[in-house]
Amino acid sequence: MDRPSRLIRFILLLVILTLLSVMVLLAVQRYMDARTPKEKIESTVAVRSYDDYFDPYTGEDKLQFIEFNLLSEPYAADDEQPGECFYLAIEEFEEASYLYIVCMSDEQFNNYEDIYEFTFSDEESLPVDTGVIYGYPAPIEDDLKALTIEYFDLFWGEGILTEDNFNDIVGTFYLDAAYQER
C-alpha cells in the first residue's frame, strides 16, 4: 500500500473517532437534561451548605434540604394536590433525633423506599446511606398538626408529642418537597 492511501485512512479513522466522541457527549448531555428536578438540584449542589438546612421554626422562604435515615409511611394526604402525601422524616444523629414533616409526591417517596423499608424492619443499626430531600418551608396547619400527633401516638405512645410541646419538637413549618419551583 502506498503512503498517501495510508495517510487518508488514518485521517478518516480520526474523523470517525471524533464523530463518535461528539455523539457520546451529546447523548450524555441529553440524559442530564432529561433527569428529574430533584436529581438536577442534587447534582448542581456540589457541597451542601448547612445555611440551607431546613429550619422548621423560621420558615425562611428559600430552597432548603434535610437529611434523614428513617421515614414513615404516608399518614396524611394533601387534599389540594393529588399524589402528594405527608411523611415523618427522622434524622438520627449521634444521641439525638430530629423529627420533620415532609410533603412529597409518590414518585419522590419511591426514591426513598429503601429507607422506608429499613424503618419498619428489625435491623438495629442505622443504614449507611441517608436520604436528602429539597423543598420549601410551608406552615403547619392545625389539621396537619392533629394528624401528626395522632400518627406519632400510634408508634411511640401517647403523651410524648402533644399539642403543648408540638412546636418545640416539630416546629411550625414542614418541608414541601413536592413543590420545587418558586
N, C-alpha and C. Protein backbone atom coordinates (compact mmCIF):
# COMPACT_ATOMS: atom_id res chain seq x y z
N MET A 1 0.85 -1.16 0.00
CA MET A 1 0.00 0.00 0.00
C MET A 1 0.90 1.23 0.00
N ASP A 2 0.53 2.20 -0.76
CA ASP A 2 1.38 3.39 -0.84
C ASP A 2 1.09 4.35 0.33
N ARG A 3 1.99 5.24 0.54
CA ARG A 3 1.97 6.15 1.67
C ARG A 3 0.74 7.08 1.69
N PRO A 4 0.34 7.70 0.56
CA PRO A 4 -0.83 8.61 0.60
C PRO A 4 -2.12 7.90 1.01
N SER A 5 -2.35 6.65 0.59
CA SER A 5 -3.59 5.97 0.96
C SER A 5 -3.60 5.61 2.45
N ARG A 6 -2.43 5.31 3.04
CA ARG A 6 -2.35 5.05 4.48
C ARG A 6 -2.67 6.33 5.27
N LEU A 7 -2.21 7.45 4.77
CA LEU A 7 -2.46 8.72 5.42
C LEU A 7 -3.96 9.06 5.36
N ILE A 8 -4.58 8.79 4.24
CA ILE A 8 -6.01 9.05 4.08
C ILE A 8 -6.81 8.17 5.03
N ARG A 9 -6.44 6.91 5.14
CA ARG A 9 -7.13 6.00 6.06
C ARG A 9 -6.96 6.46 7.51
N PHE A 10 -5.78 6.91 7.86
CA PHE A 10 -5.53 7.39 9.21
C PHE A 10 -6.39 8.63 9.51
N ILE A 11 -6.46 9.56 8.58
CA ILE A 11 -7.26 10.77 8.75
C ILE A 11 -8.74 10.40 8.84
N LEU A 12 -9.18 9.47 8.01
CA LEU A 12 -10.56 9.02 8.04
C LEU A 12 -10.89 8.38 9.39
N LEU A 13 -9.99 7.59 9.92
CA LEU A 13 -10.17 6.96 11.24
C LEU A 13 -10.29 8.03 12.32
N LEU A 14 -9.45 9.05 12.28
CA LEU A 14 -9.52 10.15 13.25
C LEU A 14 -10.85 10.89 13.16
N VAL A 15 -11.35 11.13 11.96
CA VAL A 15 -12.63 11.81 11.78
C VAL A 15 -13.76 10.97 12.36
N ILE A 16 -13.75 9.67 12.12
CA ILE A 16 -14.78 8.77 12.63
C ILE A 16 -14.75 8.75 14.16
N LEU A 17 -13.57 8.63 14.76
CA LEU A 17 -13.45 8.63 16.21
C LEU A 17 -13.93 9.96 16.82
N THR A 18 -13.62 11.04 16.16
CA THR A 18 -14.08 12.36 16.63
C THR A 18 -15.60 12.44 16.59
N LEU A 19 -16.21 11.99 15.49
CA LEU A 19 -17.66 12.00 15.38
C LEU A 19 -18.32 11.12 16.44
N LEU A 20 -17.74 9.94 16.69
CA LEU A 20 -18.28 9.06 17.74
C LEU A 20 -18.18 9.72 19.11
N SER A 21 -17.09 10.39 19.39
CA SER A 21 -16.92 11.08 20.67
C SER A 21 -17.96 12.18 20.84
N VAL A 22 -18.20 12.93 19.79
CA VAL A 22 -19.19 14.00 19.84
C VAL A 22 -20.58 13.41 20.07
N MET A 23 -20.91 12.30 19.43
CA MET A 23 -22.21 11.66 19.60
C MET A 23 -22.39 11.19 21.04
N VAL A 24 -21.36 10.61 21.63
CA VAL A 24 -21.44 10.14 23.02
C VAL A 24 -21.65 11.34 23.95
N LEU A 25 -20.91 12.41 23.74
CA LEU A 25 -21.06 13.60 24.58
C LEU A 25 -22.47 14.19 24.46
N LEU A 26 -23.02 14.21 23.26
CA LEU A 26 -24.39 14.72 23.08
C LEU A 26 -25.41 13.81 23.78
N ALA A 27 -25.21 12.51 23.72
CA ALA A 27 -26.12 11.58 24.39
C ALA A 27 -26.07 11.78 25.90
N VAL A 28 -24.89 11.97 26.45
CA VAL A 28 -24.75 12.21 27.89
C VAL A 28 -25.44 13.52 28.26
N GLN A 29 -25.27 14.55 27.46
CA GLN A 29 -25.91 15.84 27.72
C GLN A 29 -27.43 15.71 27.70
N ARG A 30 -27.98 14.97 26.75
CA ARG A 30 -29.43 14.76 26.69
C ARG A 30 -29.93 14.02 27.91
N TYR A 31 -29.17 13.03 28.37
CA TYR A 31 -29.55 12.29 29.58
C TYR A 31 -29.58 13.23 30.78
N MET A 32 -28.58 14.09 30.91
CA MET A 32 -28.51 15.02 32.03
C MET A 32 -29.69 15.99 32.00
N ASP A 33 -30.09 16.44 30.82
CA ASP A 33 -31.20 17.37 30.70
C ASP A 33 -32.54 16.70 30.98
N ALA A 34 -32.65 15.39 30.79
CA ALA A 34 -33.91 14.69 30.96
C ALA A 34 -34.16 14.22 32.38
N ARG A 35 -33.20 14.40 33.27
CA ARG A 35 -33.37 13.92 34.65
C ARG A 35 -34.44 14.72 35.38
N THR A 36 -34.93 14.18 36.49
CA THR A 36 -35.98 14.84 37.26
C THR A 36 -35.43 16.06 37.98
N PRO A 37 -36.30 17.01 38.37
CA PRO A 37 -35.83 18.22 39.06
C PRO A 37 -35.03 17.92 40.33
N LYS A 38 -35.46 16.95 41.14
CA LYS A 38 -34.74 16.62 42.37
C LYS A 38 -33.32 16.21 42.06
N GLU A 39 -33.16 15.35 41.04
CA GLU A 39 -31.82 14.90 40.68
C GLU A 39 -30.99 16.07 40.16
N LYS A 40 -31.61 16.99 39.40
CA LYS A 40 -30.87 18.14 38.90
C LYS A 40 -30.39 19.01 40.05
N ILE A 41 -31.26 19.25 41.01
CA ILE A 41 -30.88 20.08 42.14
C ILE A 41 -29.73 19.44 42.89
N GLU A 42 -29.83 18.14 43.19
CA GLU A 42 -28.78 17.48 43.94
C GLU A 42 -27.46 17.45 43.18
N SER A 43 -27.51 17.32 41.85
CA SER A 43 -26.27 17.24 41.11
C SER A 43 -25.60 18.60 40.96
N THR A 44 -26.35 19.70 41.10
CA THR A 44 -25.75 21.02 40.97
C THR A 44 -25.24 21.55 42.30
N VAL A 45 -25.60 20.92 43.39
CA VAL A 45 -25.13 21.37 44.70
C VAL A 45 -23.90 20.54 45.04
N ALA A 46 -22.74 21.09 44.78
CA ALA A 46 -21.50 20.35 44.99
C ALA A 46 -21.28 20.07 46.46
N VAL A 47 -21.39 21.07 47.28
CA VAL A 47 -21.26 20.91 48.72
C VAL A 47 -22.48 21.57 49.34
N ARG A 48 -23.23 20.80 50.10
CA ARG A 48 -24.43 21.37 50.72
C ARG A 48 -24.00 22.32 51.82
N SER A 49 -24.56 23.50 51.79
CA SER A 49 -24.30 24.49 52.83
C SER A 49 -25.31 24.27 53.94
N TYR A 50 -24.83 24.19 55.16
CA TYR A 50 -25.76 23.99 56.26
C TYR A 50 -26.54 25.26 56.57
N ASP A 51 -26.24 26.36 55.88
CA ASP A 51 -27.09 27.54 55.94
C ASP A 51 -28.42 27.25 55.24
N ASP A 52 -28.42 26.26 54.35
CA ASP A 52 -29.63 25.88 53.61
C ASP A 52 -30.33 24.68 54.22
N TYR A 53 -29.89 24.24 55.41
CA TYR A 53 -30.55 23.12 56.07
C TYR A 53 -31.91 23.60 56.57
N PHE A 54 -32.91 22.78 56.40
CA PHE A 54 -34.29 23.15 56.74
C PHE A 54 -34.41 23.52 58.22
N ASP A 55 -34.99 24.68 58.47
CA ASP A 55 -35.26 25.13 59.83
C ASP A 55 -36.78 25.16 60.01
N PRO A 56 -37.34 24.21 60.77
CA PRO A 56 -38.79 24.13 60.90
C PRO A 56 -39.39 25.21 61.81
N TYR A 57 -38.55 26.09 62.33
CA TYR A 57 -39.02 27.11 63.24
C TYR A 57 -39.13 28.49 62.60
N THR A 58 -38.36 28.76 61.55
CA THR A 58 -38.35 30.10 60.96
C THR A 58 -39.12 30.19 59.65
N GLY A 59 -39.09 29.15 58.83
CA GLY A 59 -39.82 29.17 57.57
C GLY A 59 -39.25 30.14 56.55
N GLU A 60 -37.94 30.32 56.55
CA GLU A 60 -37.32 31.22 55.59
C GLU A 60 -37.62 30.73 54.17
N ASP A 61 -38.15 31.61 53.34
CA ASP A 61 -38.65 31.24 52.01
C ASP A 61 -37.50 31.09 51.02
N LYS A 62 -36.84 29.95 51.10
CA LYS A 62 -35.77 29.62 50.15
C LYS A 62 -35.68 28.10 50.07
N LEU A 63 -35.05 27.61 49.03
CA LEU A 63 -34.87 26.18 48.86
C LEU A 63 -33.99 25.66 50.00
N GLN A 64 -34.47 24.63 50.69
CA GLN A 64 -33.76 24.07 51.82
C GLN A 64 -33.74 22.54 51.69
N PHE A 65 -32.96 21.89 52.54
CA PHE A 65 -32.90 20.43 52.48
C PHE A 65 -32.84 19.85 53.89
N ILE A 66 -33.17 18.56 53.95
CA ILE A 66 -32.95 17.80 55.18
C ILE A 66 -32.26 16.50 54.80
N GLU A 67 -31.56 15.93 55.76
CA GLU A 67 -31.01 14.59 55.66
C GLU A 67 -31.78 13.74 56.66
N PHE A 68 -32.09 12.52 56.28
CA PHE A 68 -32.85 11.66 57.19
C PHE A 68 -32.45 10.21 56.97
N ASN A 69 -32.62 9.40 58.01
CA ASN A 69 -32.31 7.99 57.88
C ASN A 69 -33.47 7.10 58.32
N LEU A 70 -34.59 7.68 58.67
CA LEU A 70 -35.82 6.94 58.96
C LEU A 70 -36.98 7.68 58.29
N LEU A 71 -37.95 6.93 57.78
CA LEU A 71 -39.06 7.54 57.05
C LEU A 71 -40.33 6.75 57.30
N SER A 72 -41.38 7.47 57.67
CA SER A 72 -42.67 6.83 57.95
C SER A 72 -43.41 6.51 56.66
N GLU A 73 -44.50 5.82 56.82
CA GLU A 73 -45.43 5.65 55.72
C GLU A 73 -46.22 6.95 55.58
N PRO A 74 -46.94 7.14 54.48
CA PRO A 74 -47.75 8.36 54.38
C PRO A 74 -48.86 8.32 55.42
N TYR A 75 -49.03 9.39 56.16
CA TYR A 75 -50.07 9.40 57.20
C TYR A 75 -51.14 10.45 56.94
N ALA A 76 -50.94 11.30 55.95
CA ALA A 76 -51.95 12.28 55.58
C ALA A 76 -51.74 12.64 54.11
N ALA A 77 -52.84 12.88 53.42
CA ALA A 77 -52.78 13.26 52.01
C ALA A 77 -52.99 14.76 51.88
N ASP A 78 -52.36 15.32 50.87
CA ASP A 78 -52.55 16.73 50.55
C ASP A 78 -53.80 16.82 49.69
N ASP A 79 -54.88 17.35 50.26
CA ASP A 79 -56.16 17.42 49.55
C ASP A 79 -56.10 18.27 48.29
N GLU A 80 -55.22 19.26 48.29
CA GLU A 80 -55.14 20.16 47.14
C GLU A 80 -54.29 19.60 46.01
N GLN A 81 -53.41 18.65 46.32
CA GLN A 81 -52.51 18.10 45.30
C GLN A 81 -52.58 16.57 45.32
N PRO A 82 -53.36 15.97 44.43
CA PRO A 82 -53.43 14.50 44.39
C PRO A 82 -52.05 13.90 44.14
N GLY A 83 -51.78 12.79 44.81
CA GLY A 83 -50.49 12.11 44.64
C GLY A 83 -49.40 12.66 45.54
N GLU A 84 -49.75 13.58 46.43
CA GLU A 84 -48.78 14.11 47.39
C GLU A 84 -49.26 13.78 48.79
N CYS A 85 -48.34 13.31 49.62
CA CYS A 85 -48.68 12.91 50.98
C CYS A 85 -47.67 13.46 51.97
N PHE A 86 -48.04 13.37 53.25
CA PHE A 86 -47.18 13.82 54.33
C PHE A 86 -46.54 12.62 55.00
N TYR A 87 -45.26 12.77 55.35
CA TYR A 87 -44.47 11.72 55.98
C TYR A 87 -43.70 12.32 57.15
N LEU A 88 -43.32 11.48 58.08
CA LEU A 88 -42.38 11.90 59.11
C LEU A 88 -41.01 11.41 58.68
N ALA A 89 -40.08 12.33 58.58
CA ALA A 89 -38.69 12.00 58.27
C ALA A 89 -37.89 12.26 59.54
N ILE A 90 -37.10 11.29 59.93
CA ILE A 90 -36.36 11.39 61.19
C ILE A 90 -34.87 11.29 60.90
N GLU A 91 -34.15 12.21 61.46
CA GLU A 91 -32.69 12.18 61.37
C GLU A 91 -32.16 11.75 62.72
N GLU A 92 -31.59 10.57 62.77
CA GLU A 92 -30.93 10.09 63.98
C GLU A 92 -29.47 10.45 63.84
N PHE A 93 -28.99 11.30 64.73
CA PHE A 93 -27.61 11.77 64.65
C PHE A 93 -27.01 11.70 66.04
N GLU A 94 -25.97 10.89 66.17
CA GLU A 94 -25.33 10.65 67.46
C GLU A 94 -26.40 10.24 68.47
N GLU A 95 -26.61 11.01 69.52
CA GLU A 95 -27.58 10.63 70.54
C GLU A 95 -28.90 11.38 70.41
N ALA A 96 -29.08 12.13 69.31
CA ALA A 96 -30.28 12.95 69.16
C ALA A 96 -31.11 12.48 67.96
N SER A 97 -32.40 12.78 68.03
CA SER A 97 -33.30 12.51 66.92
C SER A 97 -34.01 13.81 66.56
N TYR A 98 -34.11 14.07 65.26
CA TYR A 98 -34.77 15.27 64.77
C TYR A 98 -35.94 14.83 63.91
N LEU A 99 -37.11 15.33 64.24
CA LEU A 99 -38.36 14.93 63.58
C LEU A 99 -38.81 16.04 62.64
N TYR A 100 -39.06 15.68 61.38
CA TYR A 100 -39.51 16.64 60.38
C TYR A 100 -40.76 16.10 59.70
N ILE A 101 -41.64 17.00 59.33
CA ILE A 101 -42.77 16.66 58.48
C ILE A 101 -42.38 17.05 57.06
N VAL A 102 -42.57 16.09 56.13
CA VAL A 102 -42.21 16.33 54.73
C VAL A 102 -43.40 15.98 53.85
N CYS A 103 -43.70 16.86 52.92
CA CYS A 103 -44.71 16.57 51.90
C CYS A 103 -43.94 16.22 50.63
N MET A 104 -44.23 15.03 50.10
CA MET A 104 -43.57 14.63 48.86
C MET A 104 -44.54 13.87 47.97
N SER A 105 -44.20 13.81 46.71
CA SER A 105 -45.01 13.08 45.74
C SER A 105 -44.74 11.59 45.87
N ASP A 106 -45.64 10.80 45.29
CA ASP A 106 -45.44 9.35 45.29
C ASP A 106 -44.12 8.98 44.61
N GLU A 107 -43.79 9.69 43.54
CA GLU A 107 -42.55 9.42 42.81
C GLU A 107 -41.33 9.70 43.69
N GLN A 108 -41.37 10.80 44.43
CA GLN A 108 -40.26 11.12 45.33
C GLN A 108 -40.14 10.05 46.42
N PHE A 109 -41.27 9.63 46.96
CA PHE A 109 -41.26 8.61 48.00
C PHE A 109 -40.59 7.33 47.50
N ASN A 110 -40.84 6.97 46.25
CA ASN A 110 -40.24 5.76 45.69
C ASN A 110 -38.71 5.83 45.70
N ASN A 111 -38.15 7.04 45.63
CA ASN A 111 -36.69 7.20 45.69
C ASN A 111 -36.13 6.85 47.07
N TYR A 112 -36.98 6.85 48.08
CA TYR A 112 -36.53 6.60 49.46
C TYR A 112 -37.15 5.33 50.04
N GLU A 113 -37.63 4.47 49.16
CA GLU A 113 -38.30 3.25 49.63
C GLU A 113 -37.40 2.36 50.48
N ASP A 114 -36.09 2.34 50.18
CA ASP A 114 -35.17 1.54 50.98
C ASP A 114 -35.08 2.07 52.41
N ILE A 115 -35.14 3.37 52.59
CA ILE A 115 -35.12 3.94 53.95
C ILE A 115 -36.43 3.62 54.66
N TYR A 116 -37.54 3.73 53.93
CA TYR A 116 -38.85 3.38 54.50
C TYR A 116 -38.86 1.91 54.95
N GLU A 117 -38.39 1.01 54.09
CA GLU A 117 -38.36 -0.42 54.44
C GLU A 117 -37.46 -0.67 55.64
N PHE A 118 -36.32 0.01 55.72
CA PHE A 118 -35.44 -0.15 56.87
C PHE A 118 -36.14 0.32 58.15
N THR A 119 -36.89 1.43 58.07
CA THR A 119 -37.56 2.00 59.24
C THR A 119 -38.46 0.97 59.90
N PHE A 120 -39.13 0.14 59.11
CA PHE A 120 -40.08 -0.82 59.67
C PHE A 120 -39.50 -2.24 59.70
N SER A 121 -38.19 -2.36 59.58
CA SER A 121 -37.55 -3.67 59.66
C SER A 121 -37.07 -3.92 61.09
N ASP A 122 -36.51 -5.09 61.31
CA ASP A 122 -36.00 -5.46 62.63
C ASP A 122 -34.52 -5.12 62.80
N GLU A 123 -33.92 -4.52 61.79
CA GLU A 123 -32.50 -4.17 61.87
C GLU A 123 -32.29 -3.10 62.94
N GLU A 124 -31.16 -3.21 63.65
CA GLU A 124 -30.92 -2.28 64.75
C GLU A 124 -29.97 -1.16 64.39
N SER A 125 -29.01 -1.42 63.52
CA SER A 125 -28.06 -0.36 63.18
C SER A 125 -28.64 0.48 62.04
N LEU A 126 -28.32 1.77 62.07
CA LEU A 126 -28.83 2.68 61.05
C LEU A 126 -28.20 2.39 59.70
N PRO A 127 -28.92 2.65 58.62
CA PRO A 127 -28.35 2.44 57.29
C PRO A 127 -27.21 3.43 57.05
N VAL A 128 -26.28 3.00 56.21
CA VAL A 128 -25.13 3.86 55.90
C VAL A 128 -25.59 5.08 55.10
N ASP A 129 -26.47 4.87 54.15
CA ASP A 129 -26.94 5.96 53.31
C ASP A 129 -28.07 6.73 54.00
N THR A 130 -28.02 8.03 53.88
CA THR A 130 -29.11 8.85 54.37
C THR A 130 -29.82 9.45 53.18
N GLY A 131 -31.09 9.75 53.37
CA GLY A 131 -31.84 10.42 52.32
C GLY A 131 -31.61 11.91 52.41
N VAL A 132 -31.61 12.55 51.28
CA VAL A 132 -31.51 14.01 51.21
C VAL A 132 -32.65 14.46 50.31
N ILE A 133 -33.44 15.40 50.82
CA ILE A 133 -34.56 15.90 50.02
C ILE A 133 -34.62 17.41 50.15
N TYR A 134 -34.96 18.06 49.04
CA TYR A 134 -35.02 19.51 48.97
C TYR A 134 -36.47 19.97 48.86
N GLY A 135 -36.74 21.14 49.37
CA GLY A 135 -38.07 21.71 49.25
C GLY A 135 -38.12 23.09 49.87
N TYR A 136 -39.34 23.59 49.98
CA TYR A 136 -39.58 24.91 50.56
C TYR A 136 -40.40 24.76 51.82
N PRO A 137 -40.19 25.63 52.80
CA PRO A 137 -40.99 25.56 54.03
C PRO A 137 -42.43 26.00 53.77
N ALA A 138 -43.35 25.36 54.48
CA ALA A 138 -44.77 25.73 54.44
C ALA A 138 -45.31 25.61 55.86
N PRO A 139 -46.22 26.48 56.25
CA PRO A 139 -46.72 26.45 57.63
C PRO A 139 -47.54 25.19 57.91
N ILE A 140 -47.39 24.67 59.11
CA ILE A 140 -48.15 23.51 59.56
C ILE A 140 -49.51 24.01 60.05
N GLU A 141 -50.55 23.58 59.39
CA GLU A 141 -51.90 23.97 59.79
C GLU A 141 -52.41 23.05 60.89
N ASP A 142 -53.47 23.48 61.57
CA ASP A 142 -53.97 22.76 62.74
C ASP A 142 -54.37 21.32 62.44
N ASP A 143 -55.01 21.10 61.28
CA ASP A 143 -55.43 19.73 60.97
C ASP A 143 -54.23 18.81 60.74
N LEU A 144 -53.18 19.32 60.10
CA LEU A 144 -51.96 18.52 59.90
C LEU A 144 -51.28 18.27 61.24
N LYS A 145 -51.28 19.25 62.11
CA LYS A 145 -50.70 19.10 63.44
C LYS A 145 -51.42 17.97 64.19
N ALA A 146 -52.77 17.97 64.16
CA ALA A 146 -53.56 16.95 64.85
C ALA A 146 -53.29 15.56 64.28
N LEU A 147 -53.23 15.45 62.95
CA LEU A 147 -52.95 14.15 62.32
C LEU A 147 -51.54 13.66 62.66
N THR A 148 -50.59 14.57 62.73
CA THR A 148 -49.21 14.20 63.07
C THR A 148 -49.14 13.67 64.50
N ILE A 149 -49.80 14.35 65.43
CA ILE A 149 -49.81 13.88 66.83
C ILE A 149 -50.47 12.51 66.92
N GLU A 150 -51.59 12.34 66.24
CA GLU A 150 -52.30 11.06 66.24
C GLU A 150 -51.42 9.93 65.68
N TYR A 151 -50.76 10.19 64.57
CA TYR A 151 -49.88 9.18 63.95
C TYR A 151 -48.70 8.88 64.86
N PHE A 152 -48.09 9.91 65.42
CA PHE A 152 -46.95 9.73 66.32
C PHE A 152 -47.34 8.87 67.51
N ASP A 153 -48.54 9.10 68.07
CA ASP A 153 -49.02 8.32 69.22
C ASP A 153 -49.11 6.83 68.92
N LEU A 154 -49.46 6.48 67.67
CA LEU A 154 -49.58 5.07 67.30
C LEU A 154 -48.26 4.31 67.45
N PHE A 155 -47.15 4.96 67.15
CA PHE A 155 -45.86 4.28 67.14
C PHE A 155 -45.01 4.50 68.38
N TRP A 156 -45.09 5.66 68.96
CA TRP A 156 -44.19 5.95 70.08
C TRP A 156 -44.93 6.13 71.40
N GLY A 157 -46.23 6.03 71.40
CA GLY A 157 -47.01 6.12 72.63
C GLY A 157 -47.63 7.48 72.83
N GLU A 158 -48.75 7.46 73.50
CA GLU A 158 -49.48 8.71 73.74
C GLU A 158 -48.77 9.58 74.76
N GLY A 159 -48.91 10.85 74.58
CA GLY A 159 -48.39 11.80 75.55
C GLY A 159 -46.96 12.27 75.30
N ILE A 160 -46.26 11.66 74.34
CA ILE A 160 -44.89 12.09 74.05
C ILE A 160 -44.91 13.36 73.21
N LEU A 161 -45.68 13.33 72.14
CA LEU A 161 -45.86 14.50 71.29
C LEU A 161 -47.27 15.01 71.54
N THR A 162 -47.38 16.22 72.08
CA THR A 162 -48.68 16.77 72.45
C THR A 162 -48.87 18.13 71.78
N GLU A 163 -50.07 18.63 71.91
CA GLU A 163 -50.39 19.97 71.40
C GLU A 163 -49.49 21.01 72.06
N ASP A 164 -49.17 20.82 73.33
CA ASP A 164 -48.36 21.79 74.07
C ASP A 164 -46.89 21.81 73.64
N ASN A 165 -46.32 20.64 73.34
CA ASN A 165 -44.88 20.60 73.00
C ASN A 165 -44.62 20.44 71.50
N PHE A 166 -45.66 20.39 70.69
CA PHE A 166 -45.51 20.14 69.26
C PHE A 166 -44.57 21.15 68.60
N ASN A 167 -44.80 22.44 68.83
CA ASN A 167 -43.99 23.47 68.18
C ASN A 167 -42.54 23.39 68.61
N ASP A 168 -42.27 22.97 69.86
CA ASP A 168 -40.89 22.83 70.33
C ASP A 168 -40.19 21.63 69.69
N ILE A 169 -40.91 20.54 69.50
CA ILE A 169 -40.30 19.31 68.97
C ILE A 169 -40.28 19.30 67.45
N VAL A 170 -41.39 19.61 66.83
CA VAL A 170 -41.52 19.50 65.37
C VAL A 170 -41.29 20.85 64.68
N GLY A 171 -41.72 21.92 65.30
CA GLY A 171 -41.62 23.24 64.68
C GLY A 171 -42.97 23.70 64.17
N THR A 172 -42.96 24.78 63.43
CA THR A 172 -44.20 25.34 62.91
C THR A 172 -44.27 25.29 61.39
N PHE A 173 -43.24 24.71 60.76
CA PHE A 173 -43.20 24.58 59.31
C PHE A 173 -42.85 23.14 58.92
N TYR A 174 -43.38 22.69 57.78
CA TYR A 174 -42.97 21.42 57.20
C TYR A 174 -42.21 21.70 55.92
N LEU A 175 -41.47 20.71 55.43
CA LEU A 175 -40.72 20.85 54.19
C LEU A 175 -41.59 20.35 53.04
N ASP A 176 -41.96 21.25 52.14
CA ASP A 176 -42.77 20.88 50.98
C ASP A 176 -41.82 20.54 49.83
N ALA A 177 -41.49 19.27 49.71
CA ALA A 177 -40.56 18.81 48.67
C ALA A 177 -41.26 18.61 47.33
N ALA A 178 -42.57 18.50 47.35
CA ALA A 178 -43.30 18.29 46.10
C ALA A 178 -43.39 19.57 45.31
N TYR A 179 -43.31 20.71 45.97
CA TYR A 179 -43.38 22.00 45.29
C TYR A 179 -41.98 22.53 45.14
N GLN A 180 -41.39 22.38 43.96
CA GLN A 180 -39.99 22.72 43.74
C GLN A 180 -39.76 24.11 43.17
N GLU A 181 -40.69 24.64 42.45
CA GLU A 181 -40.45 25.91 41.74
C GLU A 181 -41.09 27.07 42.47
N ARG A 182 -40.31 28.12 42.71
CA ARG A 182 -40.85 29.36 43.31
C ARG A 182 -40.31 30.53 42.56
